[in-house]
Amino acid sequence: MKRYLVLFTTFPERKTGQKICKTLINENLTACCQIVDGIISFYWWKNKIEKSKECLCILKTEKTMLSKLKKRIKDLHPYEIPEIVVVEAEDIDKDYAHWITSVIRK
């Protein structure tokens, strides 16, 4: 059985997130990108605590695409160190999984 993943990343604003997500979908690296706008992030950066408005992107893909997807996100991302957090889908509807595979394999 194929393994499916959910990848989380953030962008400084929706426009950048949309542009990069469209590229990732056009390149068949992910089947779906969802953008959640209006999050506030607090984090350590260069020895101080920062606060930023961001948008969160949730991407769905197959494990076989992970290394290419991560590389492409790093190539396109405006951040020096982009957030890339991956969670394996432990349980996924078989029809949804089939759809992911059919989209990525185009």
PDB file of N, CA and C in Angstrom:
ATOM      1  N   MET A   1       0.840  -1.191   0.000  1.00  0.00           N
ATOM      2  CA  MET A   1       0.000   0.000   0.000  1.00  0.00           C
ATOM      3  C   MET A   1       0.881   1.250   0.000  1.00  0.00           C
ATOM      4  N   LYS A   2       0.501   2.214  -0.800  1.00  0.00           N
ATOM      5  CA  LYS A   2       1.234   3.473  -0.865  1.00  0.00           C
ATOM      6  C   LYS A   2       1.099   4.211   0.469  1.00  0.00           C
ATOM      7  N   ARG A   3       2.107   5.010   0.764  1.00  0.00           N
ATOM      8  CA  ARG A   3       2.039   5.820   1.977  1.00  0.00           C
ATOM      9  C   ARG A   3       1.763   7.260   1.574  1.00  0.00           C
ATOM     10  N   TYR A   4       0.853   7.878   2.284  1.00  0.00           N
ATOM     11  CA  TYR A   4       0.437   9.239   1.988  1.00  0.00           C
ATOM     12  C   TYR A   4       0.871  10.166   3.112  1.00  0.00           C
ATOM     13  N   LEU A   5       1.157  11.404   2.748  1.00  0.00           N
ATOM     14  CA  LEU A   5       1.690  12.371   3.694  1.00  0.00           C
ATOM     15  C   LEU A   5       0.907  13.671   3.657  1.00  0.00           C
ATOM     16  N   VAL A   6       0.948  14.364   4.791  1.00  0.00           N
ATOM     17  CA  VAL A   6       0.449  15.720   4.888  1.00  0.00           C
ATOM     18  C   VAL A   6       1.648  16.581   5.267  1.00  0.00           C
ATOM     19  N   LEU A   7       1.901  17.621   4.481  1.00  0.00           N
ATOM     20  CA  LEU A   7       3.036  18.502   4.718  1.00  0.00           C
ATOM     21  C   LEU A   7       2.504  19.883   5.083  1.00  0.00           C
ATOM     22  N   PHE A   8       3.085  20.466   6.114  1.00  0.00           N
ATOM     23  CA  PHE A   8       2.717  21.803   6.560  1.00  0.00           C
ATOM     24  C   PHE A   8       3.868  22.760   6.271  1.00  0.00           C
ATOM     25  N   THR A   9       3.525  23.923   5.756  1.00  0.00           N
ATOM     26  CA  THR A   9       4.500  24.995   5.575  1.00  0.00           C
ATOM     27  C   THR A   9       3.773  26.323   5.744  1.00  0.00           C
ATOM     28  N   THR A  10       4.517  27.383   5.981  1.00  0.00           N
ATOM     29  CA  THR A  10       3.921  28.706   6.131  1.00  0.00           C
ATOM     30  C   THR A  10       4.544  29.663   5.119  1.00  0.00           C
ATOM     31  N   PHE A  11       3.790  30.714   4.816  1.00  0.00           N
ATOM     32  CA  PHE A  11       4.260  31.761   3.918  1.00  0.00           C
ATOM     33  C   PHE A  11       3.954  33.118   4.544  1.00  0.00           C
ATOM     34  N   PRO A  12       4.688  34.154   4.143  1.00  0.00           N
ATOM     35  CA  PRO A  12       4.477  35.468   4.746  1.00  0.00           C
ATOM     36  C   PRO A  12       3.134  36.107   4.383  1.00  0.00           C
ATOM     37  N   GLU A  13       2.568  35.697   3.261  1.00  0.00           N
ATOM     38  CA  GLU A  13       1.242  36.193   2.878  1.00  0.00           C
ATOM     39  C   GLU A  13       0.614  35.242   1.860  1.00  0.00           C
ATOM     40  N   ARG A  14      -0.689  35.398   1.703  1.00  0.00           N
ATOM     41  CA  ARG A  14      -1.460  34.489   0.850  1.00  0.00           C
ATOM     42  C   ARG A  14      -0.996  34.497  -0.603  1.00  0.00           C
ATOM     43  N   LYS A  15      -0.696  35.658  -1.160  1.00  0.00           N
ATOM     44  CA  LYS A  15      -0.309  35.750  -2.573  1.00  0.00           C
ATOM     45  C   LYS A  15       0.898  34.857  -2.872  1.00  0.00           C
ATOM     46  N   THR A  16       1.914  34.901  -2.032  1.00  0.00           N
ATOM     47  CA  THR A  16       3.089  34.048  -2.209  1.00  0.00           C
ATOM     48  C   THR A  16       2.711  32.579  -2.070  1.00  0.00           C
ATOM     49  N   GLY A  17       1.908  32.258  -1.063  1.00  0.00           N
ATOM     50  CA  GLY A  17       1.458  30.879  -0.862  1.00  0.00           C
ATOM     51  C   GLY A  17       0.696  30.352  -2.065  1.00  0.00           C
ATOM     52  N   GLN A  18      -0.208  31.165  -2.610  1.00  0.00           N
ATOM     53  CA  GLN A  18      -0.988  30.744  -3.771  1.00  0.00           C
ATOM     54  C   GLN A  18      -0.094  30.487  -4.976  1.00  0.00           C
ATOM     55  N   LYS A  19       0.846  31.372  -5.210  1.00  0.00           N
ATOM     56  CA  LYS A  19       1.736  31.229  -6.365  1.00  0.00           C
ATOM     57  C   LYS A  19       2.556  29.939  -6.254  1.00  0.00           C
ATOM     58  N   ILE A  20       3.126  29.697  -5.095  1.00  0.00           N
ATOM     59  CA  ILE A  20       3.957  28.504  -4.910  1.00  0.00           C
ATOM     60  C   ILE A  20       3.101  27.237  -4.939  1.00  0.00           C
ATOM     61  N   CYS A  21       1.936  27.270  -4.308  1.00  0.00           N
ATOM     62  CA  CYS A  21       1.054  26.091  -4.329  1.00  0.00           C
ATOM     63  C   CYS A  21       0.629  25.740  -5.753  1.00  0.00           C
ATOM     64  N   LYS A  22       0.300  26.733  -6.552  1.00  0.00           N
ATOM     65  CA  LYS A  22      -0.067  26.470  -7.945  1.00  0.00           C
ATOM     66  C   LYS A  22       1.086  25.826  -8.702  1.00  0.00           C
ATOM     67  N   THR A  23       2.294  26.290  -8.447  1.00  0.00           N
ATOM     68  CA  THR A  23       3.472  25.691  -9.085  1.00  0.00           C
ATOM     69  C   THR A  23       3.629  24.234  -8.673  1.00  0.00           C
ATOM     70  N   LEU A  24       3.494  23.945  -7.390  1.00  0.00           N
ATOM     71  CA  LEU A  24       3.650  22.573  -6.885  1.00  0.00           C
ATOM     72  C   LEU A  24       2.585  21.640  -7.458  1.00  0.00           C
ATOM     73  N   ILE A  25       1.375  22.154  -7.625  1.00  0.00           N
ATOM     74  CA  ILE A  25       0.306  21.349  -8.225  1.00  0.00           C
ATOM     75  C   ILE A  25       0.569  21.158  -9.713  1.00  0.00           C
ATOM     76  N   ASN A  26       0.964  22.218 -10.414  1.00  0.00           N
ATOM     77  CA  ASN A  26       1.274  22.096 -11.842  1.00  0.00           C
ATOM     78  C   ASN A  26       2.402  21.115 -12.111  1.00  0.00           C
ATOM     79  N   GLU A  27       3.329  21.008 -11.181  1.00  0.00           N
ATOM     80  CA  GLU A  27       4.453  20.080 -11.328  1.00  0.00           C
ATOM     81  C   GLU A  27       4.130  18.688 -10.788  1.00  0.00           C
ATOM     82  N   ASN A  28       2.874  18.454 -10.409  1.00  0.00           N
ATOM     83  CA  ASN A  28       2.373  17.164  -9.919  1.00  0.00           C
ATOM     84  C   ASN A  28       3.138  16.649  -8.697  1.00  0.00           C
ATOM     85  N   LEU A  29       3.594  17.553  -7.854  1.00  0.00           N
ATOM     86  CA  LEU A  29       4.287  17.155  -6.629  1.00  0.00           C
ATOM     87  C   LEU A  29       3.332  16.991  -5.458  1.00  0.00           C
ATOM     88  N   THR A  30       2.174  17.601  -5.571  1.00  0.00           N
ATOM     89  CA  THR A  30       1.146  17.501  -4.542  1.00  0.00           C
ATOM     90  C   THR A  30      -0.213  17.482  -5.234  1.00  0.00           C
ATOM     91  N   ALA A  31      -1.162  16.819  -4.599  1.00  0.00           N
ATOM     92  CA  ALA A  31      -2.498  16.729  -5.185  1.00  0.00           C
ATOM     93  C   ALA A  31      -3.390  17.882  -4.733  1.00  0.00           C
ATOM     94  N   CYS A  32      -3.080  18.437  -3.565  1.00  0.00           N
ATOM     95  CA  CYS A  32      -3.960  19.436  -2.977  1.00  0.00           C
ATOM     96  C   CYS A  32      -3.149  20.353  -2.070  1.00  0.00           C
ATOM     97  N   CYS A  33      -3.437  21.634  -2.134  1.00  0.00           N
ATOM     98  CA  CYS A  33      -2.865  22.614  -1.211  1.00  0.00           C
ATOM     99  C   CYS A  33      -4.017  23.419  -0.630  1.00  0.00           C
ATOM    100  N   GLN A  34      -4.081  23.488   0.663  1.00  0.00           N
ATOM    101  CA  GLN A  34      -5.083  24.319   1.325  1.00  0.00           C
ATOM    102  C   GLN A  34      -4.353  25.447   2.041  1.00  0.00           C
ATOM    103  N   ILE A  35      -4.892  26.649   1.932  1.00  0.00           N
ATOM    104  CA  ILE A  35      -4.272  27.812   2.551  1.00  0.00           C
ATOM    105  C   ILE A  35      -5.192  28.345   3.643  1.00  0.00           C
ATOM    106  N   VAL A  36      -4.629  28.440   4.837  1.00  0.00           N
ATOM    107  CA  VAL A  36      -5.345  29.001   5.981  1.00  0.00           C
ATOM    108  C   VAL A  36      -4.701  30.352   6.263  1.00  0.00           C
ATOM    109  N   ASP A  37      -5.430  31.403   5.988  1.00  0.00           N
ATOM    110  CA  ASP A  37      -4.890  32.757   6.118  1.00  0.00           C
ATOM    111  C   ASP A  37      -5.117  33.282   7.529  1.00  0.00           C
ATOM    112  N   GLY A  38      -4.286  34.234   7.927  1.00  0.00           N
ATOM    113  CA  GLY A  38      -4.523  34.962   9.168  1.00  0.00           C
ATOM    114  C   GLY A  38      -3.977  34.326  10.427  1.00  0.00           C
ATOM    115  N   ILE A  39      -2.967  33.474  10.333  1.00  0.00           N
ATOM    116  CA  ILE A  39      -2.387  32.930  11.553  1.00  0.00           C
ATOM    117  C   ILE A  39      -1.309  33.883  12.065  1.00  0.00           C
ATOM    118  N   ILE A  40      -1.051  33.809  13.345  1.00  0.00           N
ATOM    119  CA  ILE A  40       0.018  34.576  13.978  1.00  0.00           C
ATOM    120  C   ILE A  40       1.032  33.564  14.493  1.00  0.00           C
ATOM    121  N   SER A  41       2.288  33.762  14.129  1.00  0.00           N
ATOM    122  CA  SER A  41       3.359  32.865  14.560  1.00  0.00           C
ATOM    123  C   SER A  41       4.309  33.605  15.492  1.00  0.00           C
ATOM    124  N   PHE A  42       4.694  32.935  16.574  1.00  0.00           N
ATOM    125  CA  PHE A  42       5.731  33.408  17.478  1.00  0.00           C
ATOM    126  C   PHE A  42       6.869  32.410  17.395  1.00  0.00           C
ATOM    127  N   TYR A  43       8.105  32.886  17.282  1.00  0.00           N
ATOM    128  CA  TYR A  43       9.237  31.978  17.115  1.00  0.00           C
ATOM    129  C   TYR A  43      10.552  32.697  17.429  1.00  0.00           C
ATOM    130  N   TRP A  44      11.544  31.878  17.762  1.00  0.00           N
ATOM    131  CA  TRP A  44      12.890  32.423  17.945  1.00  0.00           C
ATOM    132  C   TRP A  44      13.545  32.582  16.584  1.00  0.00           C
ATOM    133  N   TRP A  45      14.142  33.759  16.339  1.00  0.00           N
ATOM    134  CA  TRP A  45      14.897  33.979  15.104  1.00  0.00           C
ATOM    135  C   TRP A  45      16.019  34.967  15.396  1.00  0.00           C
ATOM    136  N   LYS A  46      17.243  34.531  15.153  1.00  0.00           N
ATOM    137  CA  LYS A  46      18.434  35.357  15.347  1.00  0.00           C
ATOM    138  C   LYS A  46      18.466  35.975  16.747  1.00  0.00           C
ATOM    139  N   ASN A  47      18.295  35.095  17.732  1.00  0.00           N
ATOM    140  CA  ASN A  47      18.424  35.421  19.161  1.00  0.00           C
ATOM    141  C   ASN A  47      17.339  36.333  19.728  1.00  0.00           C
ATOM    142  N   LYS A  48      16.198  36.420  19.056  1.00  0.00           N
ATOM    143  CA  LYS A  48      15.091  37.158  19.653  1.00  0.00           C
ATOM    144  C   LYS A  48      13.766  36.528  19.241  1.00  0.00           C
ATOM    145  N   ILE A  49      12.758  36.799  20.031  1.00  0.00           N
ATOM    146  CA  ILE A  49      11.423  36.270  19.727  1.00  0.00           C
ATOM    147  C   ILE A  49      10.756  37.196  18.717  1.00  0.00           C
ATOM    148  N   GLU A  50      10.277  36.584  17.643  1.00  0.00           N
ATOM    149  CA  GLU A  50       9.597  37.316  16.571  1.00  0.00           C
ATOM    150  C   GLU A  50       8.107  36.977  16.585  1.00  0.00           C
ATOM    151  N   LYS A  51       7.322  37.871  16.033  1.00  0.00           N
ATOM    152  CA  LYS A  51       5.886  37.666  15.835  1.00  0.00           C
ATOM    153  C   LYS A  51       5.579  38.052  14.400  1.00  0.00           C
ATOM    154  N   SER A  52       4.918  37.161  13.655  1.00  0.00           N
ATOM    155  CA  SER A  52       4.616  37.427  12.251  1.00  0.00           C
ATOM    156  C   SER A  52       3.210  36.971  11.901  1.00  0.00           C
ATOM    157  N   LYS A  53       2.574  37.719  11.006  1.00  0.00           N
ATOM    158  CA  LYS A  53       1.344  37.251  10.380  1.00  0.00           C
ATOM    159  C   LYS A  53       1.774  36.344   9.233  1.00  0.00           C
ATOM    160  N   GLU A  54       1.148  35.208   9.116  1.00  0.00           N
ATOM    161  CA  GLU A  54       1.491  34.251   8.062  1.00  0.00           C
ATOM    162  C   GLU A  54       0.227  33.564   7.579  1.00  0.00           C
ATOM    163  N   CYS A  55       0.400  32.770   6.534  1.00  0.00           N
ATOM    164  CA  CYS A  55      -0.648  31.841   6.133  1.00  0.00           C
ATOM    165  C   CYS A  55      -0.046  30.436   6.196  1.00  0.00           C
ATOM    166  N   LEU A  56      -0.865  29.495   6.589  1.00  0.00           N
ATOM    167  CA  LEU A  56      -0.463  28.102   6.730  1.00  0.00           C
ATOM    168  C   LEU A  56      -0.929  27.336   5.504  1.00  0.00           C
ATOM    169  N   CYS A  57      -0.035  26.553   4.916  1.00  0.00           N
ATOM    170  CA  CYS A  57      -0.399  25.718   3.774  1.00  0.00           C
ATOM    171  C   CYS A  57      -0.317  24.258   4.184  1.00  0.00           C
ATOM    172  N   ILE A  58      -1.346  23.515   3.809  1.00  0.00           N
ATOM    173  CA  ILE A  58      -1.450  22.092   4.101  1.00  0.00           C
ATOM    174  C   ILE A  58      -1.483  21.378   2.755  1.00  0.00           C
ATOM    175  N   LEU A  59      -0.477  20.532   2.520  1.00  0.00           N
ATOM    176  CA  LEU A  59      -0.340  19.852   1.235  1.00  0.00           C
ATOM    177  C   LEU A  59      -0.500  18.353   1.428  1.00  0.00           C
ATOM    178  N   LYS A  60      -1.110  17.685   0.444  1.00  0.00           N
ATOM    179  CA  LYS A  60      -1.270  16.228   0.475  1.00  0.00           C
ATOM    180  C   LYS A  60      -0.521  15.622  -0.692  1.00  0.00           C
ATOM    181  N   THR A  61       0.248  14.548  -0.386  1.00  0.00           N
ATOM    182  CA  THR A  61       1.058  13.918  -1.416  1.00  0.00           C
ATOM    183  C   THR A  61       1.350  12.466  -1.055  1.00  0.00           C
ATOM    184  N   GLU A  62       2.060  11.792  -1.941  1.00  0.00           N
ATOM    185  CA  GLU A  62       2.560  10.438  -1.679  1.00  0.00           C
ATOM    186  C   GLU A  62       3.977  10.528  -1.138  1.00  0.00           C
ATOM    187  N   LYS A  63       4.368   9.551  -0.361  1.00  0.00           N
ATOM    188  CA  LYS A  63       5.723   9.524   0.186  1.00  0.00           C
ATOM    189  C   LYS A  63       6.781   9.529  -0.923  1.00  0.00           C
ATOM    190  N   THR A  64       6.488   8.924  -2.041  1.00  0.00           N
ATOM    191  CA  THR A  64       7.452   8.863  -3.143  1.00  0.00           C
ATOM    192  C   THR A  64       7.821  10.249  -3.677  1.00  0.00           C
ATOM    193  N   MET A  65       6.982  11.245  -3.432  1.00  0.00           N
ATOM    194  CA  MET A  65       7.212  12.595  -3.937  1.00  0.00           C
ATOM    195  C   MET A  65       7.895  13.499  -2.912  1.00  0.00           C
ATOM    196  N   LEU A  66       8.113  13.015  -1.701  1.00  0.00           N
ATOM    197  CA  LEU A  66       8.544  13.884  -0.613  1.00  0.00           C
ATOM    198  C   LEU A  66       9.866  14.599  -0.876  1.00  0.00           C
ATOM    199  N   SER A  67      10.886  13.915  -1.301  1.00  0.00           N
ATOM    200  CA  SER A  67      12.175  14.585  -1.473  1.00  0.00           C
ATOM    201  C   SER A  67      12.101  15.667  -2.561  1.00  0.00           C
ATOM    202  N   LYS A  68      11.410  15.383  -3.652  1.00  0.00           N
ATOM    203  CA  LYS A  68      11.248  16.384  -4.718  1.00  0.00           C
ATOM    204  C   LYS A  68      10.413  17.576  -4.234  1.00  0.00           C
ATOM    205  N   LEU A  69       9.363  17.274  -3.481  1.00  0.00           N
ATOM    206  CA  LEU A  69       8.482  18.325  -2.973  1.00  0.00           C
ATOM    207  C   LEU A  69       9.232  19.239  -1.999  1.00  0.00           C
ATOM    208  N   LYS A  70       9.974  18.658  -1.075  1.00  0.00           N
ATOM    209  CA  LYS A  70      10.741  19.460  -0.127  1.00  0.00           C
ATOM    210  C   LYS A  70      11.772  20.334  -0.836  1.00  0.00           C
ATOM    211  N   LYS A  71      12.464  19.758  -1.793  1.00  0.00           N
ATOM    212  CA  LYS A  71      13.470  20.525  -2.542  1.00  0.00           C
ATOM    213  C   LYS A  71      12.823  21.691  -3.279  1.00  0.00           C
ATOM    214  N   ARG A  72      11.698  21.426  -3.891  1.00  0.00           N
ATOM    215  CA  ARG A  72      11.022  22.472  -4.675  1.00  0.00           C
ATOM    216  C   ARG A  72      10.502  23.589  -3.766  1.00  0.00           C
ATOM    217  N   ILE A  73       9.968  23.218  -2.609  1.00  0.00           N
ATOM    218  CA  ILE A  73       9.518  24.241  -1.657  1.00  0.00           C
ATOM    219  C   ILE A  73      10.702  25.116  -1.259  1.00  0.00           C
ATOM    220  N   LYS A  74      11.832  24.499  -0.941  1.00  0.00           N
ATOM    221  CA  LYS A  74      13.019  25.270  -0.557  1.00  0.00           C
ATOM    222  C   LYS A  74      13.504  26.166  -1.699  1.00  0.00           C
ATOM    223  N   ASP A  75      13.416  25.687  -2.936  1.00  0.00           N
ATOM    224  CA  ASP A  75      13.828  26.488  -4.092  1.00  0.00           C
ATOM    225  C   ASP A  75      12.950  27.730  -4.270  1.00  0.00           C
ATOM    226  N   LEU A  76      11.658  27.592  -4.028  1.00  0.00           N
ATOM    227  CA  LEU A  76      10.696  28.657  -4.315  1.00  0.00           C
ATOM    228  C   LEU A  76      10.402  29.568  -3.120  1.00  0.00           C
ATOM    229  N   HIS A  77      10.654  29.093  -1.931  1.00  0.00           N
ATOM    230  CA  HIS A  77      10.215  29.773  -0.706  1.00  0.00           C
ATOM    231  C   HIS A  77      11.001  31.049  -0.429  1.00  0.00           C
ATOM    232  N   PRO A  78      10.331  32.108   0.026  1.00  0.00           N
ATOM    233  CA  PRO A  78      11.046  33.348   0.334  1.00  0.00           C
ATOM    234  C   PRO A  78      11.810  33.315   1.660  1.00  0.00           C
ATOM    235  N   TYR A  79      11.480  32.378   2.556  1.00  0.00           N
ATOM    236  CA  TYR A  79      12.158  32.327   3.850  1.00  0.00           C
ATOM    237  C   TYR A  79      13.530  31.673   3.733  1.00  0.00           C
ATOM    238  N   GLU A  80      14.442  32.139   4.537  1.00  0.00           N
ATOM    239  CA  GLU A  80      15.776  31.534   4.598  1.00  0.00           C
ATOM    240  C   GLU A  80      15.698  30.074   5.031  1.00  0.00           C
ATOM    241  N   ILE A  81      14.863  29.801   6.022  1.00  0.00           N
ATOM    242  CA  ILE A  81      14.621  28.427   6.494  1.00  0.00           C
ATOM    243  C   ILE A  81      13.108  28.227   6.546  1.00  0.00           C
ATOM    244  N   PRO A  82      12.513  27.681   5.490  1.00  0.00           N
ATOM    245  CA  PRO A  82      11.053  27.486   5.510  1.00  0.00           C
ATOM    246  C   PRO A  82      10.641  26.359   6.451  1.00  0.00           C
ATOM    247  N   GLU A  83       9.483  26.527   7.027  1.00  0.00           N
ATOM    248  CA  GLU A  83       8.900  25.448   7.828  1.00  0.00           C
ATOM    249  C   GLU A  83       8.479  24.334   6.875  1.00  0.00           C
ATOM    250  N   ILE A  84       8.956  23.129   7.135  1.00  0.00           N
ATOM    251  CA  ILE A  84       8.500  21.947   6.404  1.00  0.00           C
ATOM    252  C   ILE A  84       8.332  20.852   7.444  1.00  0.00           C
ATOM    253  N   VAL A  85       7.085  20.568   7.776  1.00  0.00           N
ATOM    254  CA  VAL A  85       6.757  19.549   8.766  1.00  0.00           C
ATOM    255  C   VAL A  85       5.875  18.525   8.075  1.00  0.00           C
ATOM    256  N   VAL A  86       6.268  17.254   8.168  1.00  0.00           N
ATOM    257  CA  VAL A  86       5.564  16.192   7.452  1.00  0.00           C
ATOM    258  C   VAL A  86       4.979  15.196   8.452  1.00  0.00           C
ATOM    259  N   VAL A  87       3.724  14.828   8.214  1.00  0.00           N
ATOM    260  CA  VAL A  87       3.040  13.831   9.038  1.00  0.00           C
ATOM    261  C   VAL A  87       2.528  12.743   8.115  1.00  0.00           C
ATOM    262  N   GLU A  88       2.794  11.502   8.482  1.00  0.00           N
ATOM    263  CA  GLU A  88       2.284  10.398   7.679  1.00  0.00           C
ATOM    264  C   GLU A  88       0.805  10.194   7.979  1.00  0.00           C
ATOM    265  N   ALA A  89       0.025  10.011   6.932  1.00  0.00           N
ATOM    266  CA  ALA A  89      -1.405   9.753   7.093  1.00  0.00           C
ATOM    267  C   ALA A  89      -1.576   8.305   7.537  1.00  0.00           C
ATOM    268  N   GLU A  90      -1.933   8.141   8.780  1.00  0.00           N
ATOM    269  CA  GLU A  90      -2.068   6.804   9.347  1.00  0.00           C
ATOM    270  C   GLU A  90      -3.295   6.085   8.801  1.00  0.00           C
ATOM    271  N   ASP A  91      -4.345   6.829   8.578  1.00  0.00           N
ATOM    272  CA  ASP A  91      -5.587   6.258   8.065  1.00  0.00           C
ATOM    273  C   ASP A  91      -6.135   7.240   7.037  1.00  0.00           C
ATOM    274  N   ILE A  92      -6.369   6.757   5.833  1.00  0.00           N
ATOM    275  CA  ILE A  92      -6.851   7.627   4.767  1.00  0.00           C
ATOM    276  C   ILE A  92      -7.927   6.896   3.974  1.00  0.00           C
ATOM    277  N   ASP A  93      -8.965   7.603   3.633  1.00  0.00           N
ATOM    278  CA  ASP A  93     -10.045   7.016   2.841  1.00  0.00           C
ATOM    279  C   ASP A  93      -9.478   6.512   1.519  1.00  0.00           C
ATOM    280  N   LYS A  94      -9.857   5.297   1.132  1.00  0.00           N
ATOM    281  CA  LYS A  94      -9.257   4.699  -0.074  1.00  0.00           C
ATOM    282  C   LYS A  94      -9.590   5.482  -1.340  1.00  0.00           C
ATOM    283  N   ASP A  95     -10.774   6.060  -1.424  1.00  0.00           N
ATOM    284  CA  ASP A  95     -11.126   6.853  -2.605  1.00  0.00           C
ATOM    285  C   ASP A  95     -10.296   8.137  -2.673  1.00  0.00           C
ATOM    286  N   TYR A  96     -10.087   8.762  -1.521  1.00  0.00           N
ATOM    287  CA  TYR A  96      -9.259   9.976  -1.478  1.00  0.00           C
ATOM    288  C   TYR A  96      -7.811   9.637  -1.820  1.00  0.00           C
ATOM    289  N   ALA A  97      -7.308   8.540  -1.299  1.00  0.00           N
ATOM    290  CA  ALA A  97      -5.944   8.087  -1.607  1.00  0.00           C
ATOM    291  C   ALA A  97      -5.793   7.813  -3.104  1.00  0.00           C
ATOM    292  N   HIS A  98      -6.790   7.157  -3.680  1.00  0.00           N
ATOM    293  CA  HIS A  98      -6.754   6.886  -5.121  1.00  0.00           C
ATOM    294  C   HIS A  98      -6.711   8.198  -5.914  1.00  0.00           C
ATOM    295  N   TRP A  99      -7.497   9.182  -5.476  1.00  0.00           N
ATOM    296  CA  TRP A  99      -7.506  10.479  -6.143  1.00  0.00           C
ATOM    297  C   TRP A  99      -6.122  11.134  -6.067  1.00  0.00           C
ATOM    298  N   ILE A 100      -5.481  11.121  -4.894  1.00  0.00           N
ATOM    299  CA  ILE A 100      -4.133  11.694  -4.754  1.00  0.00           C
ATOM    300  C   ILE A 100      -3.185  11.047  -5.759  1.00  0.00           C
ATOM    301  N   THR A 101      -3.187   9.718  -5.806  1.00  0.00           N
ATOM    302  CA  THR A 101      -2.300   8.997  -6.713  1.00  0.00           C
ATOM    303  C   THR A 101      -2.601   9.359  -8.178  1.00  0.00           C
ATOM    304  N   SER A 102      -3.877   9.435  -8.529  1.00  0.00           N
ATOM    305  CA  SER A 102      -4.221   9.727  -9.923  1.00  0.00           C
ATOM    306  C   SER A 102      -3.775  11.126 -10.338  1.00  0.00           C
ATOM    307  N   VAL A 103      -3.816  12.080  -9.429  1.00  0.00           N
ATOM    308  CA  VAL A 103      -3.418  13.455  -9.722  1.00  0.00           C
ATOM    309  C   VAL A 103      -1.900  13.558  -9.851  1.00  0.00           C
ATOM    310  N   ILE A 104      -1.197  12.938  -8.937  1.00  0.00           N
ATOM    311  CA  ILE A 104       0.268  13.028  -8.923  1.00  0.00           C
ATOM    312  C   ILE A 104       0.872  12.290 -10.115  1.00  0.00           C
ATOM    313  N   ARG A 105       0.228  11.257 -10.577  1.00  0.00           N
ATOM    314  CA  ARG A 105       0.763  10.430 -11.664  1.00  0.00           C
ATOM    315  C   ARG A 105       0.425  10.925 -13.058  1.00  0.00           C
ATOM    316  N   LYS A 106      -0.186  12.104 -13.181  1.00  0.00           N
ATOM    317  CA  LYS A 106      -0.542  12.646 -14.502  1.00  0.00           C
ATOM    318  C   LYS A 106       0.690  12.860 -15.350  1.00  0.00           C
TER     319      LYS A 106
END
